[in-house]
Amino acid sequence: MSASREARKQDMMNTILQIYVSQGLENTSMRDIAAALKINISTVYDYFKSKEDIVIESAKYYMQQLEEKFEEEHRQIAPDLKTEVKRVFDLLTGEKQNLRFIYQVISSPMYGERGRHELESIYTEYMKFSEILAVAYGIDPERFEAAFLLFVATVHDFCLWDNEEFVNKKLKCIYYLIDKELEKNDVL
């Protein structure tokens, strides 16, 4: 694909992602996509083989953006772990609508299997970030990984359900685990 065609496709991805995020996966038709892009449906198919490809490419496009945000966070780690956990929580919950789209893709009977396969890189990012934090704060990476995965699941639950009371209870537990781990390592 030529550079200008690839640039056009990237511009299209941004618009398509916005449509899926605002309307939802099941409520977005090819007509909606074509109308938002101000092109006809056949032109959409010049860039994508099928609607499944559009959905998966949109999800991958967003995940690439999220990975870039994590890379930026890697470079700006807070001086203490609790502050960093709060920053990551804010980063991820700020992505709530986009993450809901990702959950729609991976839980969909139509797109789920391929979506899970294509998007598994986010877990690699979570694990990489977990290890970076563990090393930065002097915590055993294997022990910290479990607390971090619990944290990630908590954030995902919050993004899906918006239940602040429930998330706050889970975060108290996570902060308790973090405190205990930091006490063991005399980092407090």
N, C-alpha and C. Protein backbone atom coordinates (compact mmCIF):
# COMPACT_ATOMS: atom_id res chain seq x y z
N MET A 1 0.85 -1.18 0.00
CA MET A 1 0.00 0.00 0.00
C MET A 1 0.89 1.24 0.00
N SER A 2 0.56 2.21 -0.85
CA SER A 2 1.37 3.42 -0.95
C SER A 2 1.29 4.23 0.35
N ALA A 3 2.26 5.09 0.55
CA ALA A 3 2.31 5.91 1.77
C ALA A 3 1.09 6.79 1.89
N SER A 4 0.64 7.40 0.79
CA SER A 4 -0.55 8.28 0.86
C SER A 4 -1.81 7.47 1.13
N ARG A 5 -1.89 6.29 0.56
CA ARG A 5 -3.04 5.41 0.81
C ARG A 5 -3.04 4.95 2.27
N GLU A 6 -1.87 4.61 2.78
CA GLU A 6 -1.77 4.19 4.19
C GLU A 6 -2.13 5.35 5.12
N ALA A 7 -1.70 6.56 4.78
CA ALA A 7 -2.06 7.74 5.59
C ALA A 7 -3.56 7.96 5.56
N ARG A 8 -4.18 7.79 4.40
CA ARG A 8 -5.64 7.94 4.29
C ARG A 8 -6.33 6.89 5.14
N LYS A 9 -5.82 5.67 5.12
CA LYS A 9 -6.42 4.60 5.92
C LYS A 9 -6.32 4.93 7.41
N GLN A 10 -5.19 5.47 7.85
CA GLN A 10 -5.04 5.86 9.26
C GLN A 10 -6.04 6.95 9.64
N ASP A 11 -6.25 7.92 8.76
CA ASP A 11 -7.27 8.95 9.01
C ASP A 11 -8.65 8.32 9.12
N MET A 12 -8.91 7.35 8.26
CA MET A 12 -10.19 6.66 8.29
C MET A 12 -10.36 5.92 9.61
N MET A 13 -9.28 5.30 10.10
CA MET A 13 -9.34 4.52 11.34
C MET A 13 -9.79 5.39 12.51
N ASN A 14 -9.29 6.60 12.56
CA ASN A 14 -9.67 7.49 13.65
C ASN A 14 -11.17 7.76 13.62
N THR A 15 -11.70 8.05 12.45
CA THR A 15 -13.13 8.31 12.31
C THR A 15 -13.95 7.05 12.62
N ILE A 16 -13.53 5.93 12.08
CA ILE A 16 -14.25 4.67 12.31
C ILE A 16 -14.27 4.33 13.80
N LEU A 17 -13.13 4.47 14.47
CA LEU A 17 -13.08 4.21 15.90
C LEU A 17 -14.07 5.09 16.64
N GLN A 18 -14.11 6.37 16.32
CA GLN A 18 -15.04 7.29 16.97
C GLN A 18 -16.49 6.85 16.77
N ILE A 19 -16.81 6.37 15.59
CA ILE A 19 -18.17 5.90 15.31
C ILE A 19 -18.49 4.69 16.19
N TYR A 20 -17.60 3.71 16.22
CA TYR A 20 -17.85 2.52 17.03
C TYR A 20 -17.97 2.88 18.52
N VAL A 21 -17.13 3.77 18.98
CA VAL A 21 -17.16 4.16 20.39
C VAL A 21 -18.46 4.88 20.72
N SER A 22 -18.90 5.76 19.85
CA SER A 22 -20.11 6.54 20.16
C SER A 22 -21.39 5.75 19.92
N GLN A 23 -21.44 4.89 18.91
CA GLN A 23 -22.67 4.18 18.59
C GLN A 23 -22.70 2.75 19.10
N GLY A 24 -21.55 2.18 19.37
CA GLY A 24 -21.49 0.78 19.78
C GLY A 24 -21.27 -0.12 18.59
N LEU A 25 -20.70 -1.25 18.85
CA LEU A 25 -20.34 -2.21 17.81
C LEU A 25 -21.57 -2.70 17.04
N GLU A 26 -22.58 -3.13 17.75
CA GLU A 26 -23.76 -3.72 17.11
C GLU A 26 -24.64 -2.68 16.43
N ASN A 27 -24.53 -1.42 16.82
CA ASN A 27 -25.38 -0.37 16.26
C ASN A 27 -24.74 0.38 15.10
N THR A 28 -23.56 -0.04 14.68
CA THR A 28 -22.85 0.66 13.61
C THR A 28 -22.89 -0.18 12.34
N SER A 29 -23.46 0.40 11.30
CA SER A 29 -23.56 -0.30 10.02
C SER A 29 -22.47 0.21 9.07
N MET A 30 -22.31 -0.50 7.99
CA MET A 30 -21.38 -0.07 6.95
C MET A 30 -21.83 1.28 6.37
N ARG A 31 -23.14 1.48 6.30
CA ARG A 31 -23.65 2.78 5.82
C ARG A 31 -23.23 3.91 6.76
N ASP A 32 -23.29 3.65 8.08
CA ASP A 32 -22.85 4.66 9.05
C ASP A 32 -21.39 5.01 8.84
N ILE A 33 -20.57 3.98 8.64
CA ILE A 33 -19.14 4.19 8.44
C ILE A 33 -18.88 4.99 7.16
N ALA A 34 -19.52 4.57 6.08
CA ALA A 34 -19.33 5.27 4.80
C ALA A 34 -19.80 6.72 4.90
N ALA A 35 -20.94 6.95 5.56
CA ALA A 35 -21.46 8.31 5.70
C ALA A 35 -20.50 9.18 6.51
N ALA A 36 -19.98 8.64 7.60
CA ALA A 36 -19.05 9.41 8.43
C ALA A 36 -17.75 9.73 7.69
N LEU A 37 -17.34 8.81 6.84
CA LEU A 37 -16.11 9.01 6.05
C LEU A 37 -16.37 9.85 4.80
N LYS A 38 -17.65 10.07 4.51
CA LYS A 38 -18.06 10.84 3.32
C LYS A 38 -17.57 10.17 2.03
N ILE A 39 -17.73 8.85 2.01
CA ILE A 39 -17.40 8.06 0.83
C ILE A 39 -18.49 7.02 0.65
N ASN A 40 -18.51 6.35 -0.48
CA ASN A 40 -19.53 5.31 -0.64
C ASN A 40 -18.99 3.99 -0.08
N ILE A 41 -19.91 3.08 0.13
CA ILE A 41 -19.56 1.81 0.78
C ILE A 41 -18.51 1.04 -0.03
N SER A 42 -18.62 1.07 -1.34
CA SER A 42 -17.64 0.32 -2.15
C SER A 42 -16.22 0.86 -1.95
N THR A 43 -16.10 2.16 -1.68
CA THR A 43 -14.77 2.72 -1.42
C THR A 43 -14.23 2.23 -0.08
N VAL A 44 -15.10 2.04 0.89
CA VAL A 44 -14.67 1.48 2.17
C VAL A 44 -14.04 0.11 1.93
N TYR A 45 -14.67 -0.67 1.05
CA TYR A 45 -14.15 -2.01 0.76
C TYR A 45 -12.87 -1.98 -0.08
N ASP A 46 -12.52 -0.83 -0.63
CA ASP A 46 -11.21 -0.71 -1.28
C ASP A 46 -10.09 -0.74 -0.24
N TYR A 47 -10.42 -0.36 1.00
CA TYR A 47 -9.43 -0.30 2.07
C TYR A 47 -9.51 -1.50 3.02
N PHE A 48 -10.68 -2.09 3.12
CA PHE A 48 -10.90 -3.20 4.05
C PHE A 48 -11.63 -4.33 3.33
N LYS A 49 -11.24 -5.57 3.62
CA LYS A 49 -11.84 -6.73 2.96
C LYS A 49 -13.28 -6.97 3.39
N SER A 50 -13.55 -6.72 4.70
CA SER A 50 -14.88 -7.05 5.24
C SER A 50 -15.17 -6.18 6.46
N LYS A 51 -16.40 -6.26 6.93
CA LYS A 51 -16.74 -5.53 8.16
C LYS A 51 -15.93 -6.09 9.33
N GLU A 52 -15.70 -7.38 9.34
CA GLU A 52 -14.88 -7.97 10.40
C GLU A 52 -13.49 -7.33 10.41
N ASP A 53 -12.90 -7.14 9.25
CA ASP A 53 -11.59 -6.49 9.17
C ASP A 53 -11.65 -5.06 9.70
N ILE A 54 -12.72 -4.36 9.40
CA ILE A 54 -12.86 -2.98 9.89
C ILE A 54 -12.92 -2.97 11.41
N VAL A 55 -13.71 -3.87 11.98
CA VAL A 55 -13.85 -3.94 13.44
C VAL A 55 -12.50 -4.26 14.08
N ILE A 56 -11.85 -5.30 13.58
CA ILE A 56 -10.57 -5.73 14.16
C ILE A 56 -9.51 -4.65 13.97
N GLU A 57 -9.44 -4.07 12.80
CA GLU A 57 -8.44 -3.01 12.56
C GLU A 57 -8.70 -1.80 13.45
N SER A 58 -9.98 -1.48 13.69
CA SER A 58 -10.31 -0.36 14.59
C SER A 58 -9.84 -0.65 16.00
N ALA A 59 -10.08 -1.88 16.44
CA ALA A 59 -9.65 -2.27 17.79
C ALA A 59 -8.13 -2.25 17.89
N LYS A 60 -7.45 -2.76 16.88
CA LYS A 60 -5.98 -2.76 16.89
C LYS A 60 -5.45 -1.33 16.85
N TYR A 61 -6.09 -0.48 16.08
CA TYR A 61 -5.70 0.93 16.00
C TYR A 61 -5.78 1.58 17.38
N TYR A 62 -6.87 1.32 18.09
CA TYR A 62 -6.98 1.89 19.43
C TYR A 62 -5.94 1.29 20.38
N MET A 63 -5.74 -0.02 20.31
CA MET A 63 -4.79 -0.66 21.21
C MET A 63 -3.38 -0.11 20.99
N GLN A 64 -3.07 0.22 19.76
CA GLN A 64 -1.77 0.83 19.47
C GLN A 64 -1.67 2.19 20.16
N GLN A 65 -2.76 2.95 20.14
CA GLN A 65 -2.78 4.24 20.83
C GLN A 65 -2.60 4.04 22.34
N LEU A 66 -3.26 3.03 22.89
CA LEU A 66 -3.16 2.77 24.32
C LEU A 66 -1.74 2.32 24.68
N GLU A 67 -1.14 1.50 23.85
CA GLU A 67 0.24 1.08 24.10
C GLU A 67 1.18 2.29 24.12
N GLU A 68 0.95 3.25 23.24
CA GLU A 68 1.76 4.47 23.23
C GLU A 68 1.57 5.26 24.52
N LYS A 69 0.37 5.28 25.06
CA LYS A 69 0.13 5.97 26.33
C LYS A 69 0.86 5.27 27.47
N PHE A 70 0.89 3.94 27.44
CA PHE A 70 1.64 3.20 28.45
C PHE A 70 3.13 3.46 28.32
N GLU A 71 3.62 3.51 27.11
CA GLU A 71 5.05 3.80 26.90
C GLU A 71 5.40 5.18 27.47
N GLU A 72 4.52 6.13 27.28
CA GLU A 72 4.73 7.47 27.86
C GLU A 72 4.73 7.39 29.38
N GLU A 73 3.82 6.61 29.93
CA GLU A 73 3.75 6.45 31.39
C GLU A 73 5.02 5.79 31.91
N HIS A 74 5.59 4.85 31.15
CA HIS A 74 6.85 4.19 31.54
C HIS A 74 7.95 5.22 31.78
N ARG A 75 7.92 6.28 31.00
CA ARG A 75 8.99 7.29 31.08
C ARG A 75 8.77 8.28 32.22
N GLN A 76 7.59 8.26 32.86
CA GLN A 76 7.27 9.27 33.87
C GLN A 76 6.80 8.65 35.18
N ILE A 77 7.42 7.61 35.61
CA ILE A 77 6.97 6.91 36.81
C ILE A 77 7.03 7.84 38.02
N ALA A 78 5.96 7.81 38.81
CA ALA A 78 5.85 8.66 40.01
C ALA A 78 6.85 8.22 41.07
N PRO A 79 7.17 9.12 42.00
CA PRO A 79 8.16 8.78 43.03
C PRO A 79 7.70 7.70 44.01
N ASP A 80 6.38 7.50 44.14
CA ASP A 80 5.92 6.43 45.03
C ASP A 80 4.86 5.59 44.32
N LEU A 81 4.77 4.34 44.71
CA LEU A 81 3.92 3.37 44.03
C LEU A 81 2.44 3.72 44.10
N LYS A 82 1.95 4.18 45.23
CA LYS A 82 0.53 4.50 45.34
C LYS A 82 0.14 5.63 44.38
N THR A 83 1.00 6.61 44.26
CA THR A 83 0.73 7.70 43.31
C THR A 83 0.72 7.15 41.89
N GLU A 84 1.65 6.27 41.60
CA GLU A 84 1.72 5.68 40.26
C GLU A 84 0.48 4.85 39.97
N VAL A 85 0.03 4.06 40.92
CA VAL A 85 -1.18 3.26 40.74
C VAL A 85 -2.37 4.17 40.45
N LYS A 86 -2.46 5.27 41.17
CA LYS A 86 -3.55 6.23 40.94
C LYS A 86 -3.44 6.82 39.54
N ARG A 87 -2.24 7.15 39.11
CA ARG A 87 -2.05 7.70 37.76
C ARG A 87 -2.47 6.70 36.68
N VAL A 88 -2.12 5.44 36.86
CA VAL A 88 -2.50 4.42 35.89
C VAL A 88 -4.01 4.23 35.91
N PHE A 89 -4.59 4.25 37.11
CA PHE A 89 -6.05 4.15 37.22
C PHE A 89 -6.71 5.29 36.44
N ASP A 90 -6.23 6.50 36.63
CA ASP A 90 -6.79 7.66 35.92
C ASP A 90 -6.58 7.54 34.42
N LEU A 91 -5.40 7.05 34.00
CA LEU A 91 -5.14 6.88 32.58
C LEU A 91 -6.14 5.91 31.97
N LEU A 92 -6.33 4.77 32.61
CA LEU A 92 -7.22 3.75 32.05
C LEU A 92 -8.69 4.14 32.14
N THR A 93 -9.09 4.73 33.25
CA THR A 93 -10.50 5.12 33.34
C THR A 93 -10.82 6.29 32.42
N GLY A 94 -9.81 7.06 32.07
CA GLY A 94 -10.00 8.10 31.07
C GLY A 94 -10.24 7.53 29.68
N GLU A 95 -9.95 6.28 29.53
CA GLU A 95 -10.15 5.56 28.26
C GLU A 95 -11.42 4.70 28.29
N LYS A 96 -12.28 4.96 29.24
CA LYS A 96 -13.45 4.11 29.50
C LYS A 96 -14.25 3.79 28.24
N GLN A 97 -14.62 4.79 27.47
CA GLN A 97 -15.46 4.53 26.29
C GLN A 97 -14.73 3.68 25.26
N ASN A 98 -13.47 3.98 25.04
CA ASN A 98 -12.69 3.18 24.08
C ASN A 98 -12.52 1.75 24.57
N LEU A 99 -12.28 1.58 25.87
CA LEU A 99 -12.13 0.23 26.41
C LEU A 99 -13.43 -0.55 26.32
N ARG A 100 -14.55 0.13 26.48
CA ARG A 100 -15.84 -0.56 26.31
C ARG A 100 -15.97 -1.11 24.89
N PHE A 101 -15.52 -0.36 23.90
CA PHE A 101 -15.54 -0.86 22.53
C PHE A 101 -14.68 -2.13 22.42
N ILE A 102 -13.50 -2.10 23.02
CA ILE A 102 -12.62 -3.27 22.98
C ILE A 102 -13.32 -4.47 23.63
N TYR A 103 -14.00 -4.25 24.75
CA TYR A 103 -14.72 -5.35 25.41
C TYR A 103 -15.84 -5.88 24.52
N GLN A 104 -16.50 -4.98 23.79
CA GLN A 104 -17.53 -5.44 22.86
C GLN A 104 -16.92 -6.35 21.80
N VAL A 105 -15.76 -5.97 21.29
CA VAL A 105 -15.11 -6.77 20.25
C VAL A 105 -14.73 -8.15 20.79
N ILE A 106 -14.06 -8.18 21.93
CA ILE A 106 -13.56 -9.48 22.41
C ILE A 106 -14.65 -10.37 22.99
N SER A 107 -15.81 -9.80 23.33
CA SER A 107 -16.89 -10.64 23.85
C SER A 107 -17.93 -10.97 22.78
N SER A 108 -17.76 -10.45 21.59
CA SER A 108 -18.70 -10.67 20.50
C SER A 108 -18.57 -12.08 19.93
N PRO A 109 -19.69 -12.76 19.72
CA PRO A 109 -19.61 -14.08 19.06
C PRO A 109 -19.03 -13.97 17.65
N MET A 110 -19.24 -12.84 16.99
CA MET A 110 -18.78 -12.67 15.61
C MET A 110 -17.29 -12.33 15.53
N TYR A 111 -16.81 -11.49 16.45
CA TYR A 111 -15.45 -10.99 16.36
C TYR A 111 -14.53 -11.49 17.48
N GLY A 112 -15.11 -12.09 18.49
CA GLY A 112 -14.40 -12.41 19.72
C GLY A 112 -13.13 -13.20 19.58
N GLU A 113 -13.19 -14.33 18.89
CA GLU A 113 -11.99 -15.18 18.82
C GLU A 113 -10.85 -14.45 18.12
N ARG A 114 -11.13 -13.87 16.98
CA ARG A 114 -10.10 -13.13 16.27
C ARG A 114 -9.67 -11.89 17.06
N GLY A 115 -10.64 -11.22 17.66
CA GLY A 115 -10.34 -10.03 18.46
C GLY A 115 -9.41 -10.34 19.62
N ARG A 116 -9.71 -11.41 20.35
CA ARG A 116 -8.84 -11.80 21.48
C ARG A 116 -7.44 -12.11 20.99
N HIS A 117 -7.34 -12.80 19.87
CA HIS A 117 -6.02 -13.14 19.32
C HIS A 117 -5.26 -11.88 18.90
N GLU A 118 -5.93 -11.00 18.21
CA GLU A 118 -5.28 -9.78 17.70
C GLU A 118 -4.93 -8.79 18.80
N LEU A 119 -5.69 -8.82 19.91
CA LEU A 119 -5.52 -7.80 20.94
C LEU A 119 -4.80 -8.28 22.19
N GLU A 120 -4.26 -9.48 22.14
CA GLU A 120 -3.59 -10.01 23.34
C GLU A 120 -2.34 -9.22 23.71
N SER A 121 -1.88 -8.37 22.83
CA SER A 121 -0.68 -7.58 23.13
C SER A 121 -0.87 -6.65 24.31
N ILE A 122 -2.12 -6.28 24.61
CA ILE A 122 -2.33 -5.38 25.76
C ILE A 122 -1.90 -6.08 27.05
N TYR A 123 -2.09 -7.38 27.14
CA TYR A 123 -1.66 -8.08 28.35
C TYR A 123 -0.14 -8.11 28.44
N THR A 124 0.51 -8.16 27.30
CA THR A 124 1.97 -8.06 27.30
C THR A 124 2.39 -6.70 27.84
N GLU A 125 1.66 -5.65 27.43
CA GLU A 125 1.94 -4.30 27.93
C GLU A 125 1.72 -4.23 29.44
N TYR A 126 0.64 -4.80 29.92
CA TYR A 126 0.37 -4.79 31.36
C TYR A 126 1.49 -5.49 32.12
N MET A 127 1.94 -6.64 31.61
CA MET A 127 2.99 -7.39 32.29
C MET A 127 4.31 -6.64 32.25
N LYS A 128 4.61 -6.04 31.12
CA LYS A 128 5.84 -5.26 30.99
C LYS A 128 5.82 -4.09 31.98
N PHE A 129 4.69 -3.42 32.07
CA PHE A 129 4.57 -2.28 32.98
C PHE A 129 4.64 -2.74 34.43
N SER A 130 4.03 -3.86 34.73
CA SER A 130 4.08 -4.43 36.08
C SER A 130 5.54 -4.68 36.49
N GLU A 131 6.31 -5.25 35.58
CA GLU A 131 7.72 -5.53 35.89
C GLU A 131 8.52 -4.24 36.07
N ILE A 132 8.24 -3.25 35.25
CA ILE A 132 8.92 -1.96 35.38
C ILE A 132 8.64 -1.34 36.74
N LEU A 133 7.37 -1.39 37.16
CA LEU A 133 7.01 -0.82 38.47
C LEU A 133 7.65 -1.60 39.60
N ALA A 134 7.63 -2.92 39.50
CA ALA A 134 8.22 -3.75 40.56
C ALA A 134 9.70 -3.42 40.73
N VAL A 135 10.40 -3.34 39.64
CA VAL A 135 11.84 -3.03 39.70
C VAL A 135 12.04 -1.62 40.25
N ALA A 136 11.25 -0.67 39.77
CA ALA A 136 11.41 0.73 40.19
C ALA A 136 11.17 0.91 41.69
N TYR A 137 10.27 0.12 42.24
CA TYR A 137 9.93 0.27 43.66
C TYR A 137 10.50 -0.84 44.55
N GLY A 138 11.37 -1.67 43.99
CA GLY A 138 12.06 -2.68 44.78
C GLY A 138 11.18 -3.80 45.28
N ILE A 139 10.24 -4.22 44.48
CA ILE A 139 9.31 -5.29 44.86
C ILE A 139 9.58 -6.50 43.97
N ASP A 140 9.41 -7.68 44.53
CA ASP A 140 9.56 -8.91 43.76
C ASP A 140 8.55 -8.89 42.60
N PRO A 141 9.03 -8.92 41.34
CA PRO A 141 8.14 -8.81 40.18
C PRO A 141 7.04 -9.87 40.13
N GLU A 142 7.36 -11.10 40.51
CA GLU A 142 6.35 -12.16 40.48
C GLU A 142 5.24 -11.90 41.50
N ARG A 143 5.60 -11.43 42.67
CA ARG A 143 4.59 -11.15 43.70
C ARG A 143 3.76 -9.92 43.32
N PHE A 144 4.41 -8.93 42.75
CA PHE A 144 3.70 -7.71 42.38
C PHE A 144 2.75 -7.95 41.20
N GLU A 145 3.12 -8.86 40.32
CA GLU A 145 2.31 -9.13 39.14
C GLU A 145 0.87 -9.50 39.52
N ALA A 146 0.70 -10.31 40.56
CA ALA A 146 -0.65 -10.72 40.98
C ALA A 146 -1.47 -9.51 41.42
N ALA A 147 -0.88 -8.63 42.22
CA ALA A 147 -1.60 -7.43 42.66
C ALA A 147 -1.89 -6.52 41.48
N PHE A 148 -0.97 -6.43 40.55
CA PHE A 148 -1.18 -5.56 39.39
C PHE A 148 -2.29 -6.11 38.50
N LEU A 149 -2.33 -7.44 38.32
CA LEU A 149 -3.41 -8.03 37.52
C LEU A 149 -4.77 -7.82 38.19
N LEU A 150 -4.81 -7.90 39.52
CA LEU A 150 -6.04 -7.60 40.25
C LEU A 150 -6.42 -6.14 40.02
N PHE A 151 -5.45 -5.27 40.03
CA PHE A 151 -5.69 -3.86 39.76
C PHE A 151 -6.26 -3.66 38.35
N VAL A 152 -5.66 -4.29 37.36
CA VAL A 152 -6.13 -4.17 35.98
C VAL A 152 -7.57 -4.68 35.87
N ALA A 153 -7.87 -5.81 36.50
CA ALA A 153 -9.24 -6.33 36.48
C ALA A 153 -10.21 -5.35 37.14
N THR A 154 -9.76 -4.70 38.20
CA THR A 154 -10.58 -3.70 38.88
C THR A 154 -10.88 -2.53 37.96
N VAL A 155 -9.88 -2.07 37.27
CA VAL A 155 -10.07 -0.96 36.33
C VAL A 155 -11.03 -1.38 35.21
N HIS A 156 -10.85 -2.58 34.69
CA HIS A 156 -11.73 -3.06 33.63
C HIS A 156 -13.17 -3.13 34.13
N ASP A 157 -13.36 -3.65 35.34
CA ASP A 157 -14.71 -3.70 35.93
C ASP A 157 -15.32 -2.31 36.02
N PHE A 158 -14.52 -1.36 36.48
CA PHE A 158 -15.02 0.01 36.61
C PHE A 158 -15.40 0.59 35.25
N CYS A 159 -14.57 0.36 34.26
CA CYS A 159 -14.87 0.88 32.91
C CYS A 159 -16.16 0.29 32.36
N LEU A 160 -16.42 -0.97 32.68
CA LEU A 160 -17.63 -1.62 32.19
C LEU A 160 -18.88 -1.25 33.00
N TRP A 161 -18.75 -1.22 34.31
CA TRP A 161 -19.94 -1.12 35.17
C TRP A 161 -20.12 0.23 35.85
N ASP A 162 -19.10 1.06 35.89
CA ASP A 162 -19.20 2.40 36.51
C ASP A 162 -19.64 2.36 37.98
N ASN A 163 -19.30 1.29 38.69
CA ASN A 163 -19.72 1.16 40.08
C ASN A 163 -18.57 1.62 40.98
N GLU A 164 -18.64 2.89 41.41
CA GLU A 164 -17.54 3.46 42.22
C GLU A 164 -17.41 2.78 43.58
N GLU A 165 -18.53 2.44 44.20
CA GLU A 165 -18.47 1.80 45.52
C GLU A 165 -17.72 0.47 45.43
N PHE A 166 -18.05 -0.32 44.43
CA PHE A 166 -17.41 -1.62 44.25
C PHE A 166 -15.93 -1.46 43.94
N VAL A 167 -15.59 -0.52 43.06
CA VAL A 167 -14.18 -0.33 42.70
C VAL A 167 -13.39 0.18 43.89
N ASN A 168 -13.97 1.05 44.69
CA ASN A 168 -13.25 1.56 45.86
C ASN A 168 -12.94 0.46 46.87
N LYS A 169 -13.86 -0.49 47.04
CA LYS A 169 -13.60 -1.64 47.92
C LYS A 169 -12.45 -2.48 47.39
N LYS A 170 -12.44 -2.72 46.10
CA LYS A 170 -11.36 -3.50 45.50
C LYS A 170 -10.03 -2.74 45.58
N LEU A 171 -10.06 -1.44 45.35
CA LEU A 171 -8.83 -0.65 45.43
C LEU A 171 -8.26 -0.64 46.85
N LYS A 172 -9.12 -0.62 47.88
CA LYS A 172 -8.63 -0.69 49.25
C LYS A 172 -7.85 -1.98 49.47
N CYS A 173 -8.38 -3.06 48.94
CA CYS A 173 -7.70 -4.36 49.06
C CYS A 173 -6.35 -4.31 48.33
N ILE A 174 -6.32 -3.74 47.15
CA ILE A 174 -5.09 -3.65 46.37
C ILE A 174 -4.07 -2.77 47.09
N TYR A 175 -4.51 -1.64 47.62
CA TYR A 175 -3.60 -0.76 48.36
C TYR A 175 -3.06 -1.47 49.61
N TYR A 176 -3.88 -2.27 50.24
CA TYR A 176 -3.43 -3.03 51.40
C TYR A 176 -2.32 -4.01 50.97
N LEU A 177 -2.54 -4.72 49.86
CA LEU A 177 -1.52 -5.65 49.35
C LEU A 177 -0.23 -4.91 49.00
N ILE A 178 -0.38 -3.75 48.38
CA ILE A 178 0.80 -2.96 48.03
C ILE A 178 1.55 -2.54 49.29
N ASP A 179 0.81 -2.05 50.30
CA ASP A 179 1.44 -1.64 51.56
C ASP A 179 2.20 -2.80 52.19
N LYS A 180 1.59 -3.97 52.21
CA LYS A 180 2.25 -5.14 52.80
C LYS A 180 3.51 -5.50 52.03
N GLU A 181 3.44 -5.45 50.72
CA GLU A 181 4.61 -5.78 49.91
C GLU A 181 5.72 -4.75 50.11
N LEU A 182 5.35 -3.47 50.17
CA LEU A 182 6.34 -2.43 50.39
C LEU A 182 6.97 -2.55 51.78
N GLU A 183 6.17 -2.91 52.78
CA GLU A 183 6.70 -3.09 54.14
C GLU A 183 7.73 -4.22 54.15
N LYS A 184 7.46 -5.30 53.42
CA LYS A 184 8.39 -6.43 53.35
C LYS A 184 9.73 -6.02 52.76
N ASN A 185 9.68 -5.05 51.88
CA ASN A 185 10.89 -4.63 51.20
C ASN A 185 11.47 -3.36 51.78
N ASP A 186 10.94 -2.92 52.91
CA ASP A 186 11.40 -1.71 53.58
C ASP A 186 11.47 -0.51 52.64
N VAL A 187 10.46 -0.38 51.78
CA VAL A 187 10.45 0.70 50.82
C VAL A 187 9.57 1.85 51.31
N LEU A 188 8.73 1.60 52.28
CA LEU A 188 7.80 2.62 52.76
C LEU A 188 8.45 3.84 53.34
